[in-house]
Amino acid sequence: MNKVFKRTYSYAFLLPAALIYLIIFIAPTIMSFFFSLTRWTLFDWKFIGLDNFINFLSEPALRIGFKNTFIYAVITCLLKVVLGLLLGVFLTSKIRFKGYLRSVVFFPTLVSTIAVGIAFSMMMHPTLGMLNKGLELIGLQGIDWLGNPSIALLSVALTDVWKGVGFATVIYIAGILSIPEQYYEALQIDGGNAYHKFKNIILPLSRSATNTVIIFAFIGGLRSFDLIWAMTKGGPGFATDVIASIIYKQYQAGFYGLATAGNVILFFFVTLLAFPLNYLLTKREVEL
């Protein structure tokens, strides 16, 4: 009886968190699956089966949205991994004002995404923006950063990297600082230099940090919406449209069931890419 009481007493502490998780995540997810099969408004709904999914998948811009979403996720993920690792190595080395520099690198992560989007939109203005003004000072022609369909998606992706690289850097700093000092001492005895230290110690032993950054950055890139909407609203044309922005446009037009079906499709799209990636990274980490 005492054992049963202790077990029940322990699980009782999990109940508040379980209820919050149920209300905030599980219940809305189940409702989304249901309402994706309906034509609904705030006051009424009608079951229509898979029509919403068929109509959403037949959207002319969806093919571009899938491509842009994947490209955006890959670009932002790769740059955050590379820059985060380099900054992590730099900020764990023997430099002055280390704590201050770490704060500076992490600061953009704390700024509102919408505020960042508006600020960079102004900086990238084709005639009045600070970036083009700087190019003019050194005799170069200004670039239409957000108005040129060829580079608009890249411009937004680079802004995303600026905002998110601080989070990746913090993860790398934690991973690098967890490496035992004995490895560095052994390398020093063997006559290794900074390159050997990075290649043979930091790079392989921060594998778990790299995997974490890849998963977070890739999923974040696939789900990205607010920065893209603040900077381009999916334009020019469909050049920066991603799945999330297409879904939002359906909500704006009042097609709530269609947009809900789009959210379900986005959920499966992210899941189908993220879970195999996580499995491969974890398997490789265990093998190492």
Protein backbone atom coordinates (compact mmCIF):
# COMPACT_ATOMS: atom_id res chain seq x y z
CA MET A 1 0.00 0.00 0.00
CA ASN A 2 2.86 2.31 0.86
CA LYS A 3 4.55 1.59 -2.50
CA VAL A 4 1.35 2.31 -4.40
CA PHE A 5 0.93 5.59 -2.51
CA LYS A 6 4.52 6.66 -3.28
CA ARG A 7 4.09 5.88 -6.97
CA THR A 8 0.79 7.76 -7.16
CA TYR A 9 2.26 10.64 -5.17
CA SER A 10 5.17 10.93 -7.62
CA TYR A 11 2.92 10.94 -10.67
CA ALA A 12 0.73 13.59 -9.07
CA PHE A 13 3.56 16.10 -9.54
CA LEU A 14 3.45 15.45 -13.30
CA LEU A 15 -0.29 16.13 -13.51
CA PRO A 16 -0.14 19.97 -13.82
CA ALA A 17 2.45 19.80 -16.61
CA ALA A 18 0.51 17.00 -18.34
CA LEU A 19 -2.69 19.05 -18.24
CA ILE A 20 -0.97 22.13 -19.66
CA TYR A 21 0.58 20.00 -22.44
CA LEU A 22 -2.79 18.43 -23.17
CA ILE A 23 -4.61 21.77 -23.36
CA ILE A 24 -1.97 23.73 -25.27
CA PHE A 25 -0.61 21.07 -27.64
CA ILE A 26 -2.53 17.79 -27.84
CA ALA A 27 -6.08 19.21 -27.94
CA PRO A 28 -5.36 21.88 -30.61
CA THR A 29 -3.51 19.29 -32.71
CA ILE A 30 -6.46 16.90 -32.67
CA MET A 31 -8.85 19.77 -33.43
CA SER A 32 -6.67 20.85 -36.36
CA PHE A 33 -6.82 17.37 -37.86
CA PHE A 34 -10.61 17.41 -37.51
CA PHE A 35 -11.21 20.93 -38.84
CA SER A 36 -8.90 20.28 -41.79
CA LEU A 37 -11.68 17.96 -43.01
CA THR A 38 -14.34 20.66 -42.75
CA ARG A 39 -15.36 23.98 -44.23
CA TRP A 40 -15.61 26.10 -41.10
CA THR A 41 -16.09 29.59 -39.78
CA LEU A 42 -16.03 30.88 -36.24
CA PHE A 43 -19.65 29.88 -35.77
CA ASP A 44 -20.31 26.92 -38.05
CA TRP A 45 -18.66 23.98 -39.80
CA LYS A 46 -19.47 21.42 -42.48
CA PHE A 47 -17.67 18.11 -43.04
CA ILE A 48 -16.24 17.90 -46.59
CA GLY A 49 -13.69 15.08 -46.29
CA LEU A 50 -10.38 15.45 -48.12
CA ASP A 51 -11.48 18.32 -50.37
CA ASN A 52 -9.36 20.85 -48.47
CA PHE A 53 -6.22 18.75 -48.93
CA ILE A 54 -6.93 18.26 -52.64
CA ASN A 55 -7.54 21.98 -53.16
CA PHE A 56 -4.48 23.02 -51.15
CA LEU A 57 -2.17 20.61 -52.97
CA SER A 58 -3.48 21.97 -56.28
CA GLU A 59 -2.45 25.53 -55.37
CA PRO A 60 -0.32 26.96 -58.24
CA ALA A 61 2.21 28.49 -55.85
CA LEU A 62 2.59 25.41 -53.64
CA ARG A 63 5.36 23.84 -55.70
CA ILE A 64 7.38 27.05 -55.39
CA GLY A 65 6.50 27.16 -51.67
CA PHE A 66 7.86 23.66 -51.04
CA LYS A 67 11.06 24.45 -52.96
CA ASN A 68 11.59 27.77 -51.20
CA THR A 69 10.90 26.23 -47.79
CA PHE A 70 13.49 23.52 -48.32
CA ILE A 71 16.11 25.90 -49.78
CA TYR A 72 15.56 28.39 -46.97
CA ALA A 73 15.90 25.68 -44.31
CA VAL A 74 19.10 24.29 -45.83
CA ILE A 75 20.78 27.70 -46.25
CA THR A 76 19.96 28.94 -42.74
CA CYS A 77 20.86 25.58 -41.16
CA LEU A 78 24.27 25.30 -42.86
CA LEU A 79 25.26 28.89 -42.12
CA LYS A 80 24.18 28.67 -38.47
CA VAL A 81 26.20 25.47 -38.02
CA VAL A 82 29.36 26.86 -39.64
CA LEU A 83 29.21 30.35 -38.10
CA GLY A 84 28.03 29.04 -34.73
CA LEU A 85 30.96 26.62 -34.57
CA LEU A 86 33.53 29.26 -35.56
CA LEU A 87 32.13 31.79 -33.09
CA GLY A 88 31.96 29.10 -30.40
CA VAL A 89 35.64 28.28 -30.91
CA PHE A 90 36.56 31.97 -30.90
CA LEU A 91 34.55 32.78 -27.77
CA THR A 92 36.04 29.86 -25.81
CA SER A 93 39.62 30.82 -26.68
CA LYS A 94 41.87 33.01 -24.55
CA ILE A 95 40.59 36.47 -25.51
CA ARG A 96 39.75 39.58 -23.53
CA PHE A 97 36.16 40.68 -22.84
CA LYS A 98 34.96 37.15 -23.50
CA GLY A 99 31.76 37.54 -21.48
CA TYR A 100 30.85 40.82 -23.17
CA LEU A 101 31.40 39.41 -26.66
CA ARG A 102 29.22 36.40 -25.85
CA SER A 103 26.44 38.76 -24.81
CA VAL A 104 26.80 40.75 -28.04
CA VAL A 105 26.60 37.60 -30.18
CA PHE A 106 23.55 36.31 -28.32
CA PHE A 107 21.71 39.66 -28.23
CA PRO A 108 19.98 39.38 -31.69
CA THR A 109 18.28 36.18 -30.50
CA LEU A 110 16.41 38.22 -27.89
CA VAL A 111 15.10 40.82 -30.33
CA SER A 112 11.59 40.46 -31.73
CA THR A 113 11.58 38.74 -35.12
CA ILE A 114 9.11 41.28 -36.52
CA ALA A 115 11.33 44.14 -35.33
CA VAL A 116 14.34 42.53 -36.98
CA GLY A 117 12.38 42.08 -40.20
CA ILE A 118 11.25 45.72 -40.29
CA ALA A 119 14.74 47.00 -39.45
CA PHE A 120 16.46 44.94 -42.14
CA SER A 121 13.77 45.84 -44.69
CA MET A 122 14.69 49.49 -44.13
CA MET A 123 18.41 48.71 -44.31
CA MET A 124 17.88 46.83 -47.59
CA HIS A 125 15.77 49.57 -49.22
CA PRO A 126 16.97 49.93 -52.84
CA THR A 127 17.54 53.72 -52.66
CA LEU A 128 17.47 54.80 -49.02
CA GLY A 129 18.82 51.67 -47.31
CA MET A 130 22.03 51.74 -45.31
CA LEU A 131 23.50 48.76 -47.18
CA ASN A 132 23.21 50.40 -50.60
CA LYS A 133 24.42 53.73 -49.22
CA GLY A 134 27.52 51.91 -48.01
CA LEU A 135 28.03 50.32 -51.43
CA GLU A 136 27.73 53.74 -53.08
CA LEU A 137 30.46 55.14 -50.80
CA ILE A 138 32.93 52.59 -52.15
CA GLY A 139 31.83 53.11 -55.77
CA LEU A 140 29.61 50.05 -56.20
CA GLN A 141 26.09 49.96 -57.57
CA GLY A 142 23.25 49.36 -55.13
CA ILE A 143 21.42 46.03 -55.05
CA ASP A 144 17.67 45.51 -54.91
CA TRP A 145 17.98 43.07 -52.00
CA LEU A 146 14.29 42.30 -51.56
CA GLY A 147 12.91 43.33 -54.95
CA ASN A 148 15.09 41.06 -57.09
CA PRO A 149 13.47 37.58 -57.30
CA SER A 150 16.91 35.96 -57.72
CA ILE A 151 18.31 37.11 -54.38
CA ALA A 152 15.27 38.02 -52.25
CA LEU A 153 15.08 34.62 -50.55
CA LEU A 154 18.82 34.66 -49.85
CA SER A 155 18.54 38.18 -48.35
CA VAL A 156 15.85 37.03 -45.92
CA ALA A 157 17.81 33.85 -45.12
CA LEU A 158 20.93 35.88 -44.24
CA THR A 159 18.81 38.05 -41.94
CA ASP A 160 17.53 34.88 -40.28
CA VAL A 161 21.12 33.71 -39.79
CA TRP A 162 22.10 37.04 -38.21
CA LYS A 163 19.25 36.71 -35.75
CA GLY A 164 19.67 33.01 -34.93
CA VAL A 165 23.41 32.37 -35.00
CA GLY A 166 23.71 33.50 -31.37
CA PHE A 167 21.60 30.55 -30.20
CA ALA A 168 23.78 28.14 -32.17
CA THR A 169 26.90 29.77 -30.71
CA VAL A 170 25.68 29.28 -27.14
CA ILE A 171 25.07 25.58 -27.81
CA TYR A 172 28.57 25.22 -29.26
CA ILE A 173 30.12 27.10 -26.34
CA ALA A 174 28.46 24.66 -23.93
CA GLY A 175 29.65 21.69 -26.00
CA ILE A 176 33.23 22.93 -26.27
CA LEU A 177 33.49 23.82 -22.56
CA SER A 178 32.34 20.29 -21.67
CA ILE A 179 35.42 18.74 -23.35
CA PRO A 180 37.85 17.52 -20.64
CA GLU A 181 41.13 19.43 -20.36
CA GLN A 182 43.11 16.16 -20.51
CA TYR A 183 42.62 16.02 -24.28
CA TYR A 184 44.18 19.44 -24.76
CA GLU A 185 47.07 18.55 -22.45
CA ALA A 186 47.76 15.34 -24.38
CA LEU A 187 47.70 17.27 -27.67
CA GLN A 188 50.12 19.83 -26.29
CA ILE A 189 52.52 17.08 -25.20
CA ASP A 190 52.38 15.60 -28.71
CA GLY A 191 53.23 18.99 -30.20
CA GLY A 192 49.84 19.71 -31.76
CA ASN A 193 48.89 23.21 -32.87
CA ALA A 194 45.59 25.11 -33.03
CA TYR A 195 44.58 23.38 -36.26
CA HIS A 196 45.11 19.92 -34.73
CA LYS A 197 43.18 21.04 -31.67
CA PHE A 198 40.21 22.04 -33.80
CA LYS A 199 40.31 19.04 -36.14
CA ASN A 200 41.10 16.23 -33.69
CA ILE A 201 39.43 17.41 -30.48
CA ILE A 202 36.84 20.17 -30.85
CA LEU A 203 35.22 19.05 -34.10
CA PRO A 204 34.61 15.38 -33.18
CA LEU A 205 33.86 15.92 -29.48
CA SER A 206 31.31 18.66 -30.14
CA ARG A 207 29.31 16.31 -32.37
CA SER A 208 26.31 16.33 -30.02
CA ALA A 209 26.24 20.14 -30.10
CA THR A 210 26.38 20.08 -33.91
CA ASN A 211 23.49 17.63 -34.07
CA THR A 212 21.41 19.83 -31.76
CA VAL A 213 22.08 22.94 -33.83
CA ILE A 214 21.24 21.12 -37.08
CA ILE A 215 17.91 19.83 -35.76
CA PHE A 216 16.82 23.15 -34.24
CA ALA A 217 17.98 25.24 -37.21
CA PHE A 218 16.52 22.92 -39.86
CA ILE A 219 13.12 22.62 -38.19
CA GLY A 220 13.09 26.36 -37.55
CA GLY A 221 13.85 27.00 -41.22
CA LEU A 222 11.06 24.70 -42.39
CA ARG A 223 8.55 26.44 -40.11
CA SER A 224 9.78 29.99 -40.73
CA PHE A 225 7.10 32.58 -41.43
CA ASP A 226 7.23 35.76 -39.33
CA LEU A 227 10.56 37.07 -40.64
CA ILE A 228 9.66 36.32 -44.26
CA TRP A 229 6.25 37.97 -43.89
CA ALA A 230 7.70 41.05 -42.18
CA MET A 231 10.30 41.55 -44.92
CA THR A 232 8.66 40.49 -48.20
CA LYS A 233 5.16 39.03 -47.58
CA GLY A 234 6.21 36.26 -49.94
CA GLY A 235 7.17 38.60 -52.78
CA PRO A 236 8.25 39.76 -55.21
CA GLY A 237 5.69 37.55 -56.92
CA PHE A 238 6.15 34.13 -55.34
CA ALA A 239 9.94 34.44 -54.99
CA THR A 240 10.00 34.16 -51.19
CA ASP A 241 6.72 32.33 -50.64
CA VAL A 242 7.09 29.39 -48.26
CA ILE A 243 4.47 26.91 -47.14
CA ALA A 244 3.67 28.92 -44.00
CA SER A 245 3.11 32.15 -45.95
CA ILE A 246 0.80 30.37 -48.41
CA ILE A 247 -1.19 29.05 -45.45
CA TYR A 248 -1.45 32.53 -43.96
CA LYS A 249 -2.73 33.96 -47.24
CA GLN A 250 -5.52 31.38 -47.17
CA TYR A 251 -6.43 32.48 -43.63
CA GLN A 252 -6.48 36.10 -44.80
CA ALA A 253 -8.85 35.19 -47.63
CA GLY A 254 -11.23 33.50 -45.19
CA PHE A 255 -10.58 29.91 -46.31
CA TYR A 256 -10.07 28.62 -42.78
CA GLY A 257 -10.58 24.92 -43.53
CA LEU A 258 -8.19 25.12 -46.48
CA ALA A 259 -5.57 26.87 -44.36
CA THR A 260 -5.99 24.31 -41.56
CA ALA A 261 -5.39 21.53 -44.08
CA GLY A 262 -2.25 23.40 -45.12
CA ASN A 263 -1.08 23.42 -41.52
CA VAL A 264 -1.57 19.65 -41.32
CA ILE A 265 0.40 19.20 -44.54
CA LEU A 266 3.18 21.41 -43.15
CA PHE A 267 3.19 19.32 -39.97
CA PHE A 268 3.69 16.10 -41.95
CA PHE A 269 6.26 17.77 -44.22
CA VAL A 270 8.38 18.87 -41.25
CA THR A 271 7.94 15.49 -39.54
CA LEU A 272 8.93 13.49 -42.62
CA LEU A 273 12.14 15.49 -42.96
CA ALA A 274 13.06 16.05 -39.30
CA PHE A 275 12.59 12.56 -37.86
CA PRO A 276 14.83 10.71 -40.38
CA LEU A 277 17.43 13.48 -40.05
CA ASN A 278 17.38 13.18 -36.25
CA TYR A 279 17.66 9.39 -36.51
CA LEU A 280 20.66 9.56 -38.85
CA LEU A 281 22.46 12.17 -36.75
CA THR A 282 21.84 10.27 -33.51
CA LYS A 283 22.94 6.97 -35.07
CA ARG A 284 26.14 8.56 -36.37
CA GLU A 285 26.82 10.11 -32.97
CA VAL A 286 26.44 6.73 -31.23
CA GLU A 287 28.72 5.04 -33.76
CA LEU A 288 31.41 7.64 -33.10
